[in-house]
N, C-alpha and C. Protein backbone atom coordinates (compact mmCIF):
# COMPACT_ATOMS: atom_id res chain seq x y z
N UNK A 1 16.76 -24.75 17.91
CA UNK A 1 15.97 -25.29 17.65
C UNK A 1 14.43 -24.33 18.41
N UNK A 2 14.62 -23.93 19.35
CA UNK A 2 13.82 -22.64 20.38
C UNK A 2 14.07 -21.30 19.23
N UNK A 3 14.94 -20.88 19.04
CA UNK A 3 15.31 -19.86 18.46
C UNK A 3 14.33 -19.21 16.85
N UNK A 4 14.98 -20.52 16.24
CA UNK A 4 14.18 -21.32 15.02
C UNK A 4 12.41 -20.91 14.95
N UNK A 5 11.71 -21.60 16.33
CA UNK A 5 10.86 -21.85 16.21
C UNK A 5 10.47 -19.84 16.79
N UNK A 6 10.75 -19.54 17.92
CA UNK A 6 10.35 -17.78 18.23
C UNK A 6 10.66 -17.32 16.30
N UNK A 7 11.30 -17.47 15.98
CA UNK A 7 11.62 -16.70 14.62
C UNK A 7 10.36 -17.20 13.47
N UNK A 8 10.43 -18.85 14.04
CA UNK A 8 8.58 -19.00 13.03
C UNK A 8 7.16 -18.49 12.97
N UNK A 9 7.34 -18.31 14.83
CA UNK A 9 5.82 -18.13 15.03
C UNK A 9 6.23 -16.30 15.02
N UNK A 10 7.19 -15.40 15.15
CA UNK A 10 7.45 -13.75 14.53
C UNK A 10 6.32 -14.15 12.64
N UNK A 11 7.59 -14.63 12.53
CA UNK A 11 6.93 -14.46 10.82
C UNK A 11 5.54 -15.24 10.12
N UNK A 12 5.17 -16.44 10.95
CA UNK A 12 3.51 -16.26 10.83
C UNK A 12 2.27 -15.00 11.53
N UNK A 13 2.82 -14.84 12.45
CA UNK A 13 1.97 -13.66 13.24
C UNK A 13 2.46 -12.05 12.22
N UNK A 14 3.23 -12.13 10.64
CA UNK A 14 3.72 -11.31 10.67
C UNK A 14 2.63 -11.02 8.86
N UNK A 15 2.99 -12.49 8.55
CA UNK A 15 2.72 -13.30 8.34
C UNK A 15 1.10 -13.43 7.92
N UNK A 16 0.49 -13.73 8.49
CA UNK A 16 -0.61 -13.12 8.85
C UNK A 16 -1.54 -12.41 9.02
N UNK A 17 -0.80 -11.45 9.44
CA UNK A 17 -0.73 -10.80 9.36
C UNK A 17 -1.24 -9.07 8.51
N UNK A 18 -0.55 -9.05 7.17
CA UNK A 18 0.10 -8.45 5.85
C UNK A 18 -1.05 -9.10 4.63
N UNK A 19 -1.58 -10.66 4.94
CA UNK A 19 -2.03 -10.87 3.88
C UNK A 19 -3.31 -10.87 3.88
N UNK A 20 -4.33 -10.41 4.38
CA UNK A 20 -5.34 -9.44 4.57
C UNK A 20 -5.64 -8.85 3.37
N UNK A 21 -4.80 -7.32 3.95
CA UNK A 21 -4.33 -5.99 3.51
C UNK A 21 -3.77 -6.60 1.73
N UNK A 22 -3.08 -7.47 1.98
CA UNK A 22 -1.85 -8.28 0.32
C UNK A 22 -3.44 -8.50 -0.45
N UNK A 23 -4.46 -9.97 -0.07
CA UNK A 23 -4.85 -9.83 -0.76
C UNK A 23 -5.91 -9.54 -1.20
N UNK A 24 -6.52 -7.86 -0.71
CA UNK A 24 -7.17 -6.86 -0.80
C UNK A 24 -6.69 -6.42 -1.70
N UNK A 25 -5.34 -5.77 -2.36
CA UNK A 25 -4.64 -5.45 -3.29
C UNK A 25 -4.17 -5.98 -4.66
N UNK A 26 -4.41 -7.50 -4.45
CA UNK A 26 -4.03 -8.76 -5.67
C UNK A 26 -5.67 -8.12 -5.69
N UNK A 27 -7.39 -8.66 -4.96
CA UNK A 27 -8.28 -8.09 -5.73
C UNK A 27 -8.87 -7.08 -6.44
N UNK A 28 -8.05 -6.19 -6.09
CA UNK A 28 -8.67 -5.16 -6.26
C UNK A 28 -7.76 -4.91 -7.45
N UNK A 29 -6.50 -5.27 -7.49
CA UNK A 29 -5.99 -4.83 -9.48
C UNK A 29 -6.43 -5.57 -10.58
N UNK A 30 -6.89 -6.95 -9.68
CA UNK A 30 -7.39 -7.75 -10.70
C UNK A 30 -9.09 -7.36 -11.31
N UNK A 31 -9.79 -6.88 -10.38
CA UNK A 31 -9.93 -6.57 -10.88
C UNK A 31 -10.79 -4.52 -11.60
N UNK A 32 -9.39 -4.54 -11.66
CA UNK A 32 -9.11 -3.09 -12.20
C UNK A 32 -8.76 -3.27 -13.60
N UNK A 33 -8.11 -4.16 -13.75
CA UNK A 33 -7.34 -4.86 -14.80
C UNK A 33 -8.90 -5.37 -15.92
N UNK A 34 -9.95 -5.70 -14.85
CA UNK A 34 -11.12 -6.86 -15.87
C UNK A 34 -12.14 -5.85 -16.54
N UNK A 35 -12.52 -5.40 -15.38
CA UNK A 35 -13.70 -4.99 -15.14
C UNK A 35 -14.10 -3.05 -15.13
N UNK A 36 -12.83 -2.70 -15.00
CA UNK A 36 -12.97 -1.09 -15.46
C UNK A 36 -13.13 -0.58 -16.53
N UNK A 37 -13.77 -0.19 -17.76
CA UNK A 37 -13.92 0.26 -18.63
C UNK A 37 -12.73 1.63 -18.55
N UNK A 38 -12.06 1.01 -19.99
CA UNK A 38 -11.38 1.79 -20.62
C UNK A 38 -11.46 3.87 -20.30
N UNK A 39 -13.16 3.56 -21.37
CA UNK A 39 -13.93 5.02 -20.40
C UNK A 39 -13.66 5.58 -19.55
N UNK A 40 -14.37 4.29 -18.86
CA UNK A 40 -14.64 5.42 -17.49
C UNK A 40 -12.98 5.87 -16.69
N UNK A 41 -11.83 5.18 -16.75
CA UNK A 41 -10.81 4.83 -16.65
C UNK A 41 -10.12 6.89 -17.54
N UNK A 42 -10.26 6.91 -19.13
CA UNK A 42 -10.00 8.37 -19.82
C UNK A 42 -10.76 9.00 -19.20
N UNK A 43 -12.42 8.93 -18.20
CA UNK A 43 -12.52 10.19 -17.71
C UNK A 43 -11.47 10.75 -16.83
N UNK A 44 -11.30 9.35 -15.92
CA UNK A 44 -10.95 10.11 -14.14
C UNK A 44 -9.48 11.15 -14.05
N UNK A 45 -9.01 9.66 -15.71
CA UNK A 45 -7.01 10.49 -15.80
C UNK A 45 -7.59 11.71 -16.32
N UNK A 46 -8.70 12.17 -17.06
CA UNK A 46 -8.03 13.27 -18.14
C UNK A 46 -7.99 15.08 -17.04
N UNK A 47 -8.88 14.38 -15.88
CA UNK A 47 -9.46 15.53 -14.82
C UNK A 47 -7.97 15.33 -13.67
N UNK A 48 -7.74 16.32 -12.91
CA UNK A 48 -6.55 15.85 -12.17
C UNK A 48 -7.31 16.04 -10.85
N UNK A 49 -8.58 16.83 -10.58
CA UNK A 49 -9.37 16.95 -9.38
C UNK A 49 -10.01 15.57 -9.47
N UNK A 50 -10.79 14.81 -10.21
CA UNK A 50 -11.84 13.41 -10.83
C UNK A 50 -9.98 12.38 -9.86
N UNK A 51 -8.94 12.61 -10.47
CA UNK A 51 -8.01 12.25 -10.03
C UNK A 51 -7.39 11.42 -9.00
N UNK A 52 -7.06 12.54 -8.09
CA UNK A 52 -6.65 12.55 -6.33
C UNK A 52 -8.03 12.53 -5.75
N UNK A 53 -9.34 13.07 -6.23
CA UNK A 53 -10.60 12.35 -6.01
C UNK A 53 -10.39 10.88 -5.42
N UNK A 54 -10.36 10.33 -6.64
CA UNK A 54 -9.88 8.93 -6.29
C UNK A 54 -9.16 7.92 -5.59
N UNK A 55 -8.05 8.92 -5.54
CA UNK A 55 -7.09 8.45 -4.59
C UNK A 55 -7.11 8.35 -3.08
N UNK A 56 -7.99 10.08 -2.95
CA UNK A 56 -8.08 10.04 -1.34
C UNK A 56 -9.10 8.71 -0.91
N UNK A 57 -10.22 8.39 -1.47
CA UNK A 57 -10.74 8.02 -2.13
C UNK A 57 -10.76 6.32 -1.60
N UNK A 58 -9.66 6.24 -2.29
CA UNK A 58 -9.28 4.83 -2.20
C UNK A 58 -8.75 4.19 -0.86
N UNK A 59 -8.13 5.45 -0.47
CA UNK A 59 -7.12 5.38 0.85
C UNK A 59 -7.20 5.22 2.23
N UNK A 60 -8.81 5.94 2.19
CA UNK A 60 -9.50 6.28 3.41
C UNK A 60 -10.42 4.57 3.31
N UNK A 61 -11.11 4.25 2.32
CA UNK A 61 -12.29 3.46 2.35
C UNK A 61 -11.30 1.92 1.83
N UNK A 62 -10.73 1.48 1.22
CA UNK A 62 -10.43 0.30 0.76
C UNK A 62 -8.87 0.16 1.58
N UNK A 63 -9.06 -0.87 2.14
CA UNK A 63 -8.53 -1.79 3.10
C UNK A 63 -6.98 -2.03 2.48
N UNK A 64 -6.32 -1.65 2.14
CA UNK A 64 -4.71 -1.90 1.36
C UNK A 64 -3.99 -1.47 2.05
N UNK A 65 -3.88 -0.54 3.07
CA UNK A 65 -2.97 -0.29 3.34
C UNK A 65 -1.80 -0.24 3.35
N UNK A 66 -0.82 -0.10 3.68
CA UNK A 66 0.64 -0.52 3.44
C UNK A 66 0.93 -2.01 2.82
N UNK A 67 0.37 -3.33 3.09
CA UNK A 67 0.53 -4.30 2.49
C UNK A 67 0.02 -4.91 0.54
N UNK A 68 -1.06 -4.20 0.79
CA UNK A 68 -1.60 -4.13 -0.49
C UNK A 68 -1.41 -3.16 -1.26
N UNK A 69 -1.12 -2.32 -0.85
CA UNK A 69 -1.41 -1.25 -1.84
C UNK A 69 -0.36 -1.03 -2.73
N UNK A 70 1.01 -1.64 -3.66
CA UNK A 70 1.23 -1.28 -4.59
C UNK A 70 0.97 -2.27 -5.48
N UNK A 71 0.54 -3.91 -4.97
CA UNK A 71 0.02 -4.12 -6.35
C UNK A 71 -1.05 -2.92 -6.35
N UNK A 72 -2.00 -2.36 -6.14
CA UNK A 72 -2.44 -2.13 -6.99
C UNK A 72 -1.97 -1.15 -6.91
N UNK A 73 -1.18 0.08 -6.41
CA UNK A 73 -0.45 1.48 -7.02
C UNK A 73 0.47 0.42 -9.19
N UNK A 74 1.08 -0.64 -8.98
CA UNK A 74 1.47 -0.11 -10.22
C UNK A 74 0.60 -0.18 -11.22
N UNK A 75 -0.70 -1.18 -11.18
CA UNK A 75 -2.22 -1.77 -11.33
C UNK A 75 -2.94 -0.29 -12.15
N UNK A 76 -2.20 0.71 -11.21
CA UNK A 76 -2.87 1.62 -11.68
C UNK A 76 -1.88 2.50 -12.71
N UNK A 77 -1.23 2.29 -13.00
CA UNK A 77 -0.04 2.84 -12.92
C UNK A 77 0.09 2.01 -14.81
N UNK A 78 -0.27 1.13 -14.91
CA UNK A 78 -0.71 0.26 -16.15
C UNK A 78 -1.56 0.47 -16.60
N UNK A 79 -2.51 1.22 -16.12
CA UNK A 79 -3.97 1.36 -17.29
C UNK A 79 -4.61 2.81 -16.82
N UNK A 80 -3.00 3.51 -16.67
CA UNK A 80 -2.82 4.32 -17.46
C UNK A 80 -2.86 6.22 -16.11
N UNK A 81 -3.06 6.00 -15.46
CA UNK A 81 -3.19 7.02 -13.74
C UNK A 81 -2.17 7.72 -14.18
N UNK A 82 -1.72 8.53 -13.44
CA UNK A 82 -0.49 9.51 -13.29
C UNK A 82 0.27 9.24 -12.08
N UNK A 83 1.22 9.18 -12.17
CA UNK A 83 2.00 9.17 -11.79
C UNK A 83 2.19 10.25 -10.16
N UNK A 84 1.58 11.02 -9.98
CA UNK A 84 1.17 11.90 -8.26
C UNK A 84 0.68 11.13 -7.82
N UNK A 85 -0.89 11.22 -8.86
CA UNK A 85 -1.85 10.60 -7.75
C UNK A 85 -1.38 9.52 -7.29
N UNK A 86 -0.67 8.59 -7.81
CA UNK A 86 -0.56 7.31 -6.98
C UNK A 86 0.60 6.82 -6.66
N UNK A 87 1.07 8.00 -6.40
CA UNK A 87 2.13 8.10 -5.58
C UNK A 87 1.39 8.89 -4.30
N UNK A 88 0.39 9.31 -4.50
CA UNK A 88 0.05 9.89 -3.25
C UNK A 88 -1.27 9.19 -2.73
N UNK A 89 -1.49 8.18 -3.67
CA UNK A 89 -2.27 6.79 -2.98
C UNK A 89 -1.28 5.82 -1.76
N UNK A 90 -0.17 5.59 -2.17
CA UNK A 90 1.02 5.06 -1.72
C UNK A 90 0.91 4.87 -0.49
N UNK A 91 1.49 6.65 0.14
CA UNK A 91 1.66 7.09 0.79
C UNK A 91 0.05 7.48 2.39
N UNK A 92 -0.11 7.85 1.31
CA UNK A 92 -1.10 8.35 2.21
C UNK A 92 -1.69 6.95 2.50
N UNK A 93 -1.91 5.43 1.47
CA UNK A 93 -3.14 4.55 1.93
C UNK A 93 -2.49 4.70 3.61
N UNK A 94 -1.81 4.52 3.65
CA UNK A 94 -0.87 3.48 5.59
C UNK A 94 -2.04 4.64 6.63
N UNK A 95 -2.33 5.89 6.26
CA UNK A 95 -1.72 6.23 7.42
C UNK A 95 -2.96 6.85 7.52
N UNK A 96 -3.34 7.04 5.99
CA UNK A 96 -5.13 7.74 6.38
C UNK A 96 -6.60 6.69 6.10
N UNK A 97 -6.35 5.12 5.69
CA UNK A 97 -7.35 4.12 5.83
C UNK A 97 -8.54 3.93 7.28
N UNK A 98 -9.83 3.53 7.08
CA UNK A 98 -10.60 3.26 7.28
C UNK A 98 -9.72 2.46 8.53
N UNK A 99 -9.25 1.70 8.41
CA UNK A 99 -9.11 0.14 8.98
C UNK A 99 -7.36 0.39 10.14
N UNK A 100 -6.71 0.82 9.71
CA UNK A 100 -5.45 2.40 10.44
C UNK A 100 -6.39 2.73 11.41
N UNK A 101 -6.87 3.53 11.24
CA UNK A 101 -7.68 4.61 11.69
C UNK A 101 -8.62 4.44 13.41
N UNK A 102 -9.40 3.20 13.09
CA UNK A 102 -9.63 2.26 13.82
C UNK A 102 -8.44 2.41 15.13
N UNK A 103 -7.51 1.62 14.01
CA UNK A 103 -6.29 1.66 15.30
C UNK A 103 -6.06 1.94 15.93
N UNK A 104 -5.37 3.02 15.29
CA UNK A 104 -4.53 4.61 15.88
C UNK A 104 -5.63 5.44 16.74
N UNK A 105 -6.52 5.08 16.70
CA UNK A 105 -7.88 6.20 17.66
C UNK A 105 -7.36 5.09 18.97
N UNK A 106 -7.26 3.90 18.25
CA UNK A 106 -7.54 3.22 20.18
C UNK A 106 -6.53 3.34 20.69
N UNK A 107 -5.22 3.58 20.24
CA UNK A 107 -4.45 3.34 20.48
C UNK A 107 -3.72 4.74 21.26
N UNK A 108 -4.57 6.15 20.13
CA UNK A 108 -3.76 7.51 20.45
C UNK A 108 -4.86 7.87 20.77
N UNK A 109 -5.81 7.71 20.50
CA UNK A 109 -6.89 8.48 20.56
C UNK A 109 -7.47 9.53 19.04
N UNK A 110 -7.83 10.67 18.60
CA UNK A 110 -8.88 10.79 18.22
C UNK A 110 -7.91 12.14 17.84
N UNK A 111 -7.37 12.66 19.45
CA UNK A 111 -6.40 13.99 18.69
C UNK A 111 -5.27 13.48 18.47
N UNK A 112 -4.75 12.09 18.89
CA UNK A 112 -3.28 11.48 18.29
C UNK A 112 -3.34 11.00 17.48
N UNK A 113 -4.32 10.19 16.43
CA UNK A 113 -4.73 10.00 15.14
C UNK A 113 -4.81 11.62 14.90
N UNK A 114 -5.55 12.05 14.80
CA UNK A 114 -4.88 13.01 13.33
C UNK A 114 -3.34 13.81 13.70
N UNK A 115 -3.58 14.72 14.63
CA UNK A 115 -2.51 15.21 14.69
C UNK A 115 -0.93 13.93 14.58
N UNK A 116 -0.33 13.26 15.02
CA UNK A 116 -0.19 12.17 14.48
C UNK A 116 0.17 11.99 13.32
N UNK A 117 -1.33 11.03 11.84
CA UNK A 117 -0.59 10.06 11.97
C UNK A 117 -1.56 11.29 10.65
N UNK A 118 -3.17 11.64 10.59
CA UNK A 118 -3.55 12.02 9.24
C UNK A 118 -2.91 13.33 8.42
N UNK A 119 -2.54 14.55 9.88
CA UNK A 119 -2.32 15.90 8.64
C UNK A 119 -0.69 15.01 8.71
N UNK A 120 0.18 14.79 8.82
CA UNK A 120 2.00 14.33 8.56
C UNK A 120 1.47 13.47 7.21
N UNK A 121 0.26 12.55 7.57
CA UNK A 121 0.47 11.68 6.42
C UNK A 121 -0.19 12.35 5.09
N UNK A 122 -1.03 13.23 5.47
CA UNK A 122 -1.75 13.83 4.28
C UNK A 122 -0.42 14.32 3.81
N UNK A 123 0.14 15.67 5.03
CA UNK A 123 1.01 16.97 4.15
C UNK A 123 1.52 16.34 3.29
N UNK A 124 2.93 15.27 3.93
CA UNK A 124 3.29 13.99 2.81
C UNK A 124 3.09 13.27 1.64
N UNK A 125 2.05 12.85 1.71
CA UNK A 125 1.36 12.38 0.44
C UNK A 125 1.10 13.78 -0.13
N UNK A 126 0.28 14.28 -0.34
CA UNK A 126 0.50 16.17 -0.97
C UNK A 126 1.82 16.00 -2.09
N UNK A 127 2.65 16.35 -0.82
CA UNK A 127 4.52 17.16 -1.12
C UNK A 127 5.18 15.80 -2.29
N UNK A 128 4.99 14.75 -1.76
CA UNK A 128 5.72 13.78 -2.79
C UNK A 128 5.08 13.74 -4.01
N UNK A 129 3.20 14.33 -3.76
CA UNK A 129 2.63 14.09 -5.01
C UNK A 129 2.90 15.11 -5.91
N UNK A 130 2.90 17.00 -5.46
CA UNK A 130 3.09 17.52 -6.02
C UNK A 130 5.12 17.63 -6.71
N UNK A 131 5.49 17.27 -5.77
CA UNK A 131 7.44 16.57 -6.56
C UNK A 131 6.95 16.12 -7.65
N UNK A 132 6.08 14.76 -7.89
CA UNK A 132 6.37 14.27 -9.12
C UNK A 132 5.53 14.65 -10.16
N UNK A 133 4.06 15.34 -9.61
CA UNK A 133 3.72 16.05 -10.50
C UNK A 133 4.61 17.73 -11.92
N UNK A 134 5.47 18.08 -10.75
CA UNK A 134 6.49 19.17 -11.02
C UNK A 134 7.36 18.69 -12.44
N UNK A 135 8.41 18.09 -11.84
CA UNK A 135 9.21 17.14 -12.36
C UNK A 135 8.57 15.96 -12.27
N UNK A 136 7.94 14.95 -13.27
CA UNK A 136 7.75 13.78 -13.98
C UNK A 136 6.52 13.59 -14.39
N UNK A 137 6.51 14.28 -16.05
CA UNK A 137 5.83 14.36 -16.41
C UNK A 137 4.76 13.82 -17.94
N UNK A 138 5.72 12.33 -17.33
CA UNK A 138 5.35 11.35 -19.00
C UNK A 138 4.91 10.80 -18.06
N UNK A 139 2.94 10.52 -18.87
CA UNK A 139 2.05 10.45 -18.72
C UNK A 139 1.49 8.96 -19.88
N UNK A 140 1.50 7.61 -19.32
CA UNK A 140 0.39 6.94 -20.08
C UNK A 140 -0.71 6.74 -20.72
N UNK A 141 -0.69 6.40 -22.03
CA UNK A 141 -2.07 6.40 -22.38
C UNK A 141 -2.73 4.72 -22.19
N UNK A 142 -3.36 4.18 -22.25
CA UNK A 142 -3.89 2.90 -23.06
C UNK A 142 -3.51 3.02 -23.96
N UNK A 143 -3.32 1.52 -24.42
CA UNK A 143 -2.67 0.71 -25.74
C UNK A 143 -4.31 -0.03 -26.45
N UNK A 144 -3.99 0.22 -27.48
CA UNK A 144 -5.12 -0.53 -28.37
C UNK A 144 -5.64 -2.21 -27.59
N UNK A 145 -4.13 -2.35 -27.30
CA UNK A 145 -4.70 -4.03 -27.00
C UNK A 145 -5.74 -3.69 -25.71
N UNK A 146 -5.21 -3.07 -24.19
CA UNK A 146 -6.01 -3.32 -23.49
C UNK A 146 -7.54 -2.36 -23.76
N UNK A 147 -7.65 -1.39 -24.07
CA UNK A 147 -8.87 -0.26 -24.79
C UNK A 147 -10.03 -2.01 -25.11
N UNK A 148 -9.81 -3.39 -26.13
CA UNK A 148 -10.22 -4.37 -26.42
C UNK A 148 -11.01 -4.93 -24.89
N UNK A 149 -10.60 -5.12 -23.56
CA UNK A 149 -10.33 -6.16 -22.58
C UNK A 149 -12.05 -5.79 -22.68
N UNK A 150 -12.89 -4.40 -23.19
CA UNK A 150 -13.89 -4.89 -22.63
C UNK A 150 -15.36 -4.47 -23.60
N UNK A 151 -14.41 -5.21 -24.44
CA UNK A 151 -15.05 -6.19 -25.63
C UNK A 151 -15.05 -7.97 -25.22
N UNK A 152 -14.73 -8.22 -24.76
CA UNK A 152 -14.84 -9.56 -24.26
C UNK A 152 -15.77 -9.85 -23.26
N UNK A 153 -16.52 -11.58 -23.75
CA UNK A 153 -17.88 -11.74 -22.93
C UNK A 153 -17.60 -12.10 -21.45
N UNK A 154 -18.46 -11.60 -20.41
CA UNK A 154 -18.90 -12.35 -19.34
C UNK A 154 -18.13 -13.21 -18.62
N UNK A 155 -18.53 -13.83 -19.48
CA UNK A 155 -17.16 -15.77 -19.33
C UNK A 155 -16.70 -15.72 -18.77
N UNK A 156 -15.71 -15.00 -20.41
CA UNK A 156 -13.92 -14.74 -20.35
C UNK A 156 -13.17 -14.01 -20.15
N UNK A 157 -14.36 -12.80 -19.45
CA UNK A 157 -13.63 -11.66 -18.15
C UNK A 157 -13.65 -12.35 -17.21
N UNK A 158 -14.74 -12.73 -16.89
CA UNK A 158 -13.94 -13.80 -14.92
C UNK A 158 -13.37 -14.57 -15.11
N UNK A 159 -13.07 -15.42 -16.50
CA UNK A 159 -11.36 -16.56 -16.49
C UNK A 159 -10.66 -15.85 -16.96
N UNK A 160 -10.50 -14.61 -17.21
CA UNK A 160 -9.17 -13.71 -17.24
C UNK A 160 -9.61 -13.94 -15.91
N UNK A 161 -10.06 -12.64 -15.16
CA UNK A 161 -10.33 -11.91 -13.96
C UNK A 161 -9.49 -13.50 -12.75
N UNK A 162 -9.88 -14.49 -12.45
CA UNK A 162 -8.51 -15.68 -12.18
C UNK A 162 -7.67 -15.50 -12.69
N UNK A 163 -7.37 -15.94 -13.91
CA UNK A 163 -5.95 -16.36 -14.11
C UNK A 163 -5.04 -14.40 -13.75
N UNK A 164 -6.08 -13.46 -14.53
CA UNK A 164 -4.75 -12.49 -13.36
C UNK A 164 -4.87 -12.14 -12.29
N UNK A 165 -5.67 -12.92 -11.58
CA UNK A 165 -5.42 -12.38 -9.90
C UNK A 165 -4.41 -13.96 -9.55
N UNK A 166 -4.14 -14.74 -9.97
CA UNK A 166 -3.40 -15.68 -10.09
C UNK A 166 -2.05 -15.86 -10.12
N UNK A 167 -1.77 -14.79 -10.85
CA UNK A 167 -0.99 -14.63 -12.08
C UNK A 167 -0.14 -13.88 -10.72
N UNK A 168 -0.74 -12.37 -10.44
CA UNK A 168 -0.12 -11.68 -9.40
C UNK A 168 -0.26 -11.92 -8.74
N UNK A 169 -1.05 -13.27 -7.89
CA UNK A 169 -0.55 -14.03 -6.14
C UNK A 169 0.88 -14.13 -7.06
N UNK A 170 0.88 -15.48 -7.82
CA UNK A 170 2.73 -15.62 -8.15
C UNK A 170 3.79 -14.99 -8.23
N UNK A 171 3.22 -13.94 -8.54
CA UNK A 171 4.66 -12.86 -8.91
C UNK A 171 4.98 -11.68 -7.58
N UNK A 172 3.76 -11.73 -6.69
CA UNK A 172 3.67 -10.86 -5.58
C UNK A 172 3.95 -11.02 -4.09
N UNK A 173 3.96 -13.23 -4.39
CA UNK A 173 3.74 -13.19 -2.42
C UNK A 173 5.31 -14.00 -2.37
N UNK A 174 5.96 -13.56 -3.19
CA UNK A 174 7.24 -14.02 -2.46
C UNK A 174 8.19 -13.00 -1.73
N UNK A 175 7.63 -11.70 -2.86
CA UNK A 175 8.12 -10.78 -1.86
C UNK A 175 7.76 -10.56 -0.35
N UNK A 176 6.22 -10.74 0.01
CA UNK A 176 5.75 -10.55 0.61
C UNK A 176 5.98 -11.88 2.44
N UNK A 177 6.39 -13.09 1.00
CA UNK A 177 7.22 -14.40 1.89
C UNK A 177 8.67 -13.22 2.38
N UNK A 178 9.55 -12.93 1.86
CA UNK A 178 10.94 -12.53 1.92
C UNK A 178 10.67 -11.49 3.37
N UNK A 179 9.72 -10.15 3.10
CA UNK A 179 9.28 -9.14 3.61
C UNK A 179 9.75 -9.95 5.49
N UNK A 180 8.09 -10.71 5.29
CA UNK A 180 7.72 -11.03 6.33
C UNK A 180 9.16 -11.98 7.33
N UNK A 181 10.18 -12.87 6.69
CA UNK A 181 11.01 -13.33 6.97
C UNK A 181 12.09 -12.38 7.95
N UNK A 182 12.49 -11.17 6.99
CA UNK A 182 12.72 -10.46 7.40
C UNK A 182 12.74 -9.50 8.35
N UNK A 183 11.31 -9.71 8.58
CA UNK A 183 11.40 -8.52 10.02
C UNK A 183 10.94 -9.86 10.60
N UNK A 184 10.83 -11.06 10.63
CA UNK A 184 10.85 -11.63 12.26
C UNK A 184 11.83 -12.27 12.29
N UNK A 185 13.32 -12.07 11.81
CA UNK A 185 14.62 -11.79 11.97
C UNK A 185 14.92 -10.32 12.50
N UNK A 186 14.48 -9.90 12.48
CA UNK A 186 14.97 -7.73 12.97
C UNK A 186 13.84 -8.38 14.52
N UNK A 187 13.02 -8.90 14.60
CA UNK A 187 11.97 -8.61 15.88
C UNK A 187 13.26 -8.91 16.84
N UNK A 188 13.04 -10.46 16.74
CA UNK A 188 14.57 -11.62 17.51
C UNK A 188 15.39 -11.04 17.41
N UNK A 189 16.27 -10.52 16.67
CA UNK A 189 17.94 -9.94 16.80
C UNK A 189 17.49 -8.55 17.54
N UNK A 190 16.90 -7.88 16.92
CA UNK A 190 16.70 -6.16 17.50
C UNK A 190 15.61 -6.22 18.16
N UNK A 191 15.44 -6.66 19.18
CA UNK A 191 13.59 -5.96 19.83
C UNK A 191 13.46 -5.37 20.65
N UNK A 192 12.30 -4.16 20.32
CA UNK A 192 12.12 -2.44 20.06
C UNK A 192 13.09 -2.51 21.79
N UNK A 193 12.35 -3.57 22.40
CA UNK A 193 12.98 -2.15 23.62
C UNK A 193 13.96 -2.47 24.05
N UNK A 194 15.10 -2.71 23.20
CA UNK A 194 16.64 -2.78 23.52
C UNK A 194 17.01 -1.93 22.71
N UNK A 195 15.81 -1.06 21.79
CA UNK A 195 15.99 0.74 20.76
C UNK A 195 15.36 1.16 22.09
N UNK A 196 14.00 1.57 22.41
CA UNK A 196 13.80 2.54 23.21
C UNK A 196 14.72 2.78 24.46
N UNK A 197 14.35 1.27 25.24
CA UNK A 197 15.42 1.87 26.30
C UNK A 197 16.30 2.43 26.30
N UNK A 198 17.03 2.57 25.76
CA UNK A 198 18.92 2.83 26.06
C UNK A 198 18.90 3.85 26.57
N UNK A 199 19.38 4.17 28.29
CA UNK A 199 19.32 5.03 29.04
C UNK A 199 20.26 6.68 28.09
N UNK A 200 21.28 5.75 27.79
CA UNK A 200 22.11 7.51 26.90
C UNK A 200 21.64 8.04 26.03
N UNK A 201 19.98 7.38 25.60
CA UNK A 201 20.03 8.25 24.34
C UNK A 201 18.27 9.30 24.69
N UNK A 202 18.30 10.22 23.81
CA UNK A 202 17.73 11.71 24.09
C UNK A 202 16.81 11.27 23.25
N UNK A 203 15.46 12.30 23.19
CA UNK A 203 14.24 12.17 22.90
C UNK A 203 13.86 11.86 22.10
N UNK A 204 14.86 12.39 21.60
CA UNK A 204 14.83 13.10 20.18
C UNK A 204 14.98 11.44 19.20
N UNK A 205 16.58 11.34 19.77
CA UNK A 205 16.85 9.72 19.54
C UNK A 205 16.32 8.74 19.73
N UNK A 206 15.85 8.78 20.54
CA UNK A 206 14.76 7.44 20.52
C UNK A 206 13.03 7.60 19.59
N UNK A 207 13.09 9.10 19.46
CA UNK A 207 12.34 9.02 18.65
C UNK A 207 12.38 8.82 16.78
N UNK A 208 14.13 9.30 16.63
CA UNK A 208 14.61 8.62 15.58
C UNK A 208 14.85 6.98 14.97
N UNK A 209 15.51 6.07 15.83
CA UNK A 209 15.18 4.94 16.01
C UNK A 209 14.14 4.15 15.79
N UNK A 210 12.85 5.26 16.38
CA UNK A 210 11.33 4.35 16.46
C UNK A 210 11.57 4.61 14.85
N UNK A 211 11.06 5.56 14.40
CA UNK A 211 11.08 5.85 12.89
C UNK A 211 11.97 4.33 12.35
N UNK A 212 13.16 5.01 12.63
CA UNK A 212 13.47 3.31 11.81
C UNK A 212 13.16 2.68 12.35
N UNK A 213 13.13 1.40 13.03
CA UNK A 213 12.35 0.46 12.90
C UNK A 213 10.91 -0.11 13.03
N UNK A 214 10.32 1.32 13.07
CA UNK A 214 9.09 1.11 11.92
C UNK A 214 9.92 0.91 10.74
N UNK A 215 10.10 1.94 9.70
CA UNK A 215 9.90 1.81 8.80
C UNK A 215 10.76 0.63 7.96
N UNK A 216 11.60 -0.12 9.01
CA UNK A 216 12.06 -1.54 8.43
C UNK A 216 11.55 -2.60 8.12
N UNK A 217 11.04 -2.71 9.47
CA UNK A 217 9.35 -3.47 9.99
C UNK A 217 8.61 -3.55 8.86
N UNK A 218 8.26 -2.15 7.66
CA UNK A 218 7.14 -2.19 6.86
C UNK A 218 8.18 -2.87 5.81
């Protein structure tokens, strides 16, 4: 019974910590679906520099981090944004987001944030974006049905916004519950101290284990 209580406590800790970012991602996806006109999207997606600039701004200022970036990324792809820019957002947002920046600065200082998160994160995001730009040329344009969204009256668009938000929540919440549960079980069965305090491990091995632990929990 004590084990179940501990895992349940860890589950709530992970889930509640993830929830604000998840909700921001869901709401952002719904806003993009209902309120951003096809003309604006077309202007942005028609120029590569506009694509990347928007993704950099979203990654920095929109507090989605790794908890809410996937629902938003899926919606961006559906609305016609190119794959390379969306991949950039998915990788960069958890690294350079303003909330992550504050937490990282408090934890490791400005220098640690810049050299341990920003530069490696931006480098990895740019490299992934370039790879997708070179090898994945397919680009999806808005369909006729999607371009008719702009013609809806304001009341109908707000109703559609609420429906879209509800549908997104129902679609994604099972995955987040499962992720939080797996993270809680992983934390309990393999606490971080048992990994990092292995006397026989070299510094390189400890760093690799730390990366693996962070990857699995994320």
